[in-house]
Amino acid sequence: MMDALKYLSRYPEHLQQSVATLIHEERLDQYLLGKYPQGHQIKTDQALRDVVMTFKNRYIRKSGPISKVVYDPKLHVVKNALGTHSYVSRVQGQKLKSKNEIRVSALFKQAPVEFLEMIVVHELAHVKEKEHNKAFYQLCCHMLPDYHQVEFDVRVYLTYQELTGKSLY
């Protein structure tokens, strides 16, 4: 059972046990659909960019520009990541210019909007804070107040997908 809970391994035992009970009772889908009843319609890279830019312009307007935003079908499989933020710094004359890219796993094309927003917020927070530290998580919670709960539920969803091999949305 612990292999089934690999996405939840850093959570307290009582939360892991609650999820294990839902798995045993085959009610994991009911838990997720009860909280997140439907998927979203943000299916294209341009629509995803619009979501990213809305969050960026609202919360971290003064940060560097985002040069690329895409759904990446290889992310979950290759890098074992749900989203990535990368940046390249180049010297142009006397100035140092940086480009930021955000890639979101294509897995989130078929998910509730809250899950997609959590990944977007996480990757945007990396534009300002490179490490997963206190300031990083404070920024995530500033942009998405229930960030930690949604992150937990994303991990439950990943567990469901891995166990069943299918998407709920």
Protein backbone atom coordinates (compact mmCIF):
# COMPACT_ATOMS: atom_id res chain seq x y z
CA MET A 1 0.00 0.00 0.00
CA MET A 2 2.87 2.39 0.70
CA ASP A 3 3.89 2.26 -2.99
CA ALA A 4 0.38 3.42 -3.83
CA LEU A 5 0.91 6.42 -1.54
CA LYS A 6 4.25 7.55 -2.95
CA TYR A 7 2.85 11.00 -3.80
CA LEU A 8 1.73 11.38 -0.18
CA SER A 9 4.79 9.99 1.57
CA ARG A 10 5.72 13.31 3.20
CA TYR A 11 2.31 13.89 4.71
CA PRO A 12 1.37 12.89 8.27
CA GLU A 13 0.43 9.27 8.91
CA HIS A 14 -3.22 10.07 9.67
CA LEU A 15 -3.69 11.69 6.23
CA GLN A 16 -2.01 8.75 4.51
CA GLN A 17 -4.25 6.39 6.46
CA SER A 18 -7.37 8.33 5.41
CA VAL A 19 -6.38 8.04 1.76
CA ALA A 20 -5.50 4.36 2.19
CA THR A 21 -8.99 3.79 3.61
CA LEU A 22 -10.57 5.55 0.61
CA ILE A 23 -8.49 3.36 -1.70
CA HIS A 24 -9.46 0.19 0.15
CA GLU A 25 -13.15 1.17 0.04
CA GLU A 26 -12.80 2.20 -3.63
CA ARG A 27 -14.08 5.70 -2.83
CA LEU A 28 -11.12 7.82 -3.93
CA ASP A 29 -13.05 8.98 -7.00
CA GLN A 30 -16.01 10.02 -4.81
CA TYR A 31 -13.72 12.09 -2.60
CA LEU A 32 -12.22 13.92 -5.60
CA LEU A 33 -15.47 14.41 -7.51
CA GLY A 34 -17.17 15.63 -4.34
CA LYS A 35 -14.62 18.45 -4.01
CA TYR A 36 -13.89 19.04 -7.68
CA PRO A 37 -16.92 17.96 -9.74
CA GLN A 38 -15.74 19.02 -13.20
CA GLY A 39 -12.74 19.67 -15.38
CA HIS A 40 -11.84 22.92 -17.13
CA GLN A 41 -11.79 24.12 -20.74
CA ILE A 42 -8.21 25.48 -20.76
CA LYS A 43 -6.95 23.10 -23.42
CA THR A 44 -4.61 25.17 -25.61
CA ASP A 45 -1.19 26.67 -24.92
CA GLN A 46 -2.63 30.14 -25.55
CA ALA A 47 -5.43 29.60 -23.02
CA LEU A 48 -2.84 28.33 -20.53
CA ARG A 49 -0.70 31.42 -21.20
CA ASP A 50 -3.73 33.60 -20.48
CA VAL A 51 -4.15 31.92 -17.07
CA VAL A 52 -0.44 32.30 -16.27
CA MET A 53 -0.40 35.96 -17.30
CA THR A 54 -3.52 36.72 -15.26
CA PHE A 55 -1.84 35.39 -12.11
CA LYS A 56 1.48 37.04 -12.99
CA ASN A 57 -0.09 40.45 -13.64
CA ARG A 58 -2.13 40.28 -10.47
CA TYR A 59 0.52 39.03 -8.03
CA ILE A 60 4.06 39.37 -9.37
CA ARG A 61 3.76 42.14 -11.93
CA LYS A 62 7.32 43.43 -11.41
CA SER A 63 9.01 40.08 -11.99
CA GLY A 64 10.74 39.20 -15.25
CA PRO A 65 8.69 38.51 -18.38
CA ILE A 66 7.43 35.04 -19.22
CA SER A 67 8.64 34.17 -22.70
CA LYS A 68 6.94 30.80 -23.15
CA VAL A 69 4.02 28.93 -21.60
CA VAL A 70 3.07 25.47 -22.89
CA TYR A 71 1.48 22.18 -21.99
CA ASP A 72 4.24 19.57 -22.16
CA PRO A 73 3.11 15.98 -22.84
CA LYS A 74 6.47 14.55 -21.70
CA LEU A 75 6.76 16.20 -18.32
CA HIS A 76 5.12 13.70 -16.00
CA VAL A 77 6.87 10.75 -17.59
CA VAL A 78 10.35 12.12 -18.26
CA LYS A 79 11.12 14.52 -15.41
CA ASN A 80 8.71 13.13 -12.83
CA ALA A 81 7.44 16.69 -12.50
CA LEU A 82 4.05 18.27 -13.00
CA GLY A 83 5.38 21.59 -14.16
CA THR A 84 8.71 23.26 -14.68
CA HIS A 85 10.02 26.75 -14.62
CA SER A 86 13.25 27.40 -16.41
CA TYR A 87 15.16 30.57 -16.99
CA VAL A 88 18.11 31.50 -19.12
CA SER A 89 20.30 34.50 -18.37
CA ARG A 90 22.17 36.13 -21.21
CA VAL A 91 24.48 39.11 -21.32
CA GLN A 92 23.26 41.68 -23.84
CA GLY A 93 25.63 44.62 -23.90
CA GLN A 94 25.95 45.88 -20.33
CA LYS A 95 22.72 44.23 -19.16
CA LEU A 96 21.86 40.77 -17.98
CA LYS A 97 18.59 39.61 -19.59
CA SER A 98 16.66 36.57 -18.44
CA LYS A 99 13.92 34.55 -20.10
CA ASN A 100 11.41 32.58 -18.09
CA GLU A 101 9.57 29.53 -19.45
CA ILE A 102 6.72 27.68 -17.78
CA ARG A 103 5.81 24.17 -18.85
CA VAL A 104 2.81 22.37 -17.37
CA SER A 105 2.25 18.65 -17.69
CA ALA A 106 -0.37 17.87 -20.34
CA LEU A 107 -1.97 15.70 -17.65
CA PHE A 108 -3.58 18.92 -16.39
CA LYS A 109 -5.56 19.43 -19.59
CA GLN A 110 -7.93 16.87 -18.05
CA ALA A 111 -8.26 18.16 -14.49
CA PRO A 112 -10.20 20.64 -12.37
CA VAL A 113 -9.24 24.29 -12.82
CA GLU A 114 -8.08 24.37 -9.18
CA PHE A 115 -5.41 21.75 -9.94
CA LEU A 116 -4.19 23.68 -12.97
CA GLU A 117 -4.10 26.92 -10.99
CA MET A 118 -2.07 25.26 -8.22
CA ILE A 119 0.58 24.16 -10.74
CA VAL A 120 0.59 27.60 -12.38
CA VAL A 121 0.99 29.33 -9.01
CA HIS A 122 3.79 26.95 -8.04
CA GLU A 123 5.73 27.58 -11.24
CA LEU A 124 5.12 31.33 -11.12
CA ALA A 125 6.40 31.46 -7.55
CA HIS A 126 9.69 30.09 -8.92
CA VAL A 127 10.03 33.24 -11.02
CA LYS A 128 10.60 35.15 -7.76
CA GLU A 129 11.82 32.41 -5.40
CA LYS A 130 14.03 29.71 -6.90
CA GLU A 131 14.07 27.41 -3.83
CA HIS A 132 11.21 25.70 -2.01
CA ASN A 133 11.60 27.78 1.13
CA LYS A 134 9.33 29.68 3.48
CA ALA A 135 9.14 32.74 1.19
CA PHE A 136 8.26 30.48 -1.75
CA TYR A 137 5.32 28.87 0.03
CA GLN A 138 4.15 32.22 1.43
CA LEU A 139 4.02 33.54 -2.14
CA CYS A 140 2.10 30.45 -3.27
CA CYS A 141 -0.44 30.97 -0.48
CA HIS A 142 -0.68 34.67 -1.30
CA MET A 143 -1.59 33.84 -4.92
CA LEU A 144 -3.80 30.86 -4.01
CA PRO A 145 -4.97 30.92 -0.37
CA ASP A 146 -5.87 27.21 -0.26
CA TYR A 147 -2.63 26.22 -2.03
CA HIS A 148 -1.65 23.51 0.47
CA GLN A 149 -5.06 21.80 0.39
CA VAL A 150 -5.16 21.82 -3.40
CA GLU A 151 -1.59 20.48 -3.57
CA PHE A 152 -2.63 17.61 -1.28
CA ASP A 153 -5.69 16.91 -3.46
CA VAL A 154 -3.53 16.96 -6.61
CA ARG A 155 -1.39 14.28 -4.99
CA VAL A 156 -4.53 12.27 -4.18
CA TYR A 157 -5.59 12.66 -7.81
CA LEU A 158 -2.20 11.44 -9.03
CA THR A 159 -2.56 8.46 -6.72
CA TYR A 160 -6.01 7.74 -8.20
CA GLN A 161 -4.69 8.00 -11.74
CA GLU A 162 -1.78 5.71 -11.05
CA LEU A 163 -3.98 3.09 -9.38
CA THR A 164 -6.75 3.12 -12.01
CA GLY A 165 -4.91 4.22 -15.15
CA LYS A 166 -7.69 6.64 -16.01
CA SER A 167 -8.69 10.26 -15.58
CA LEU A 168 -11.82 11.44 -13.79
CA TYR A 169 -12.25 14.50 -15.99
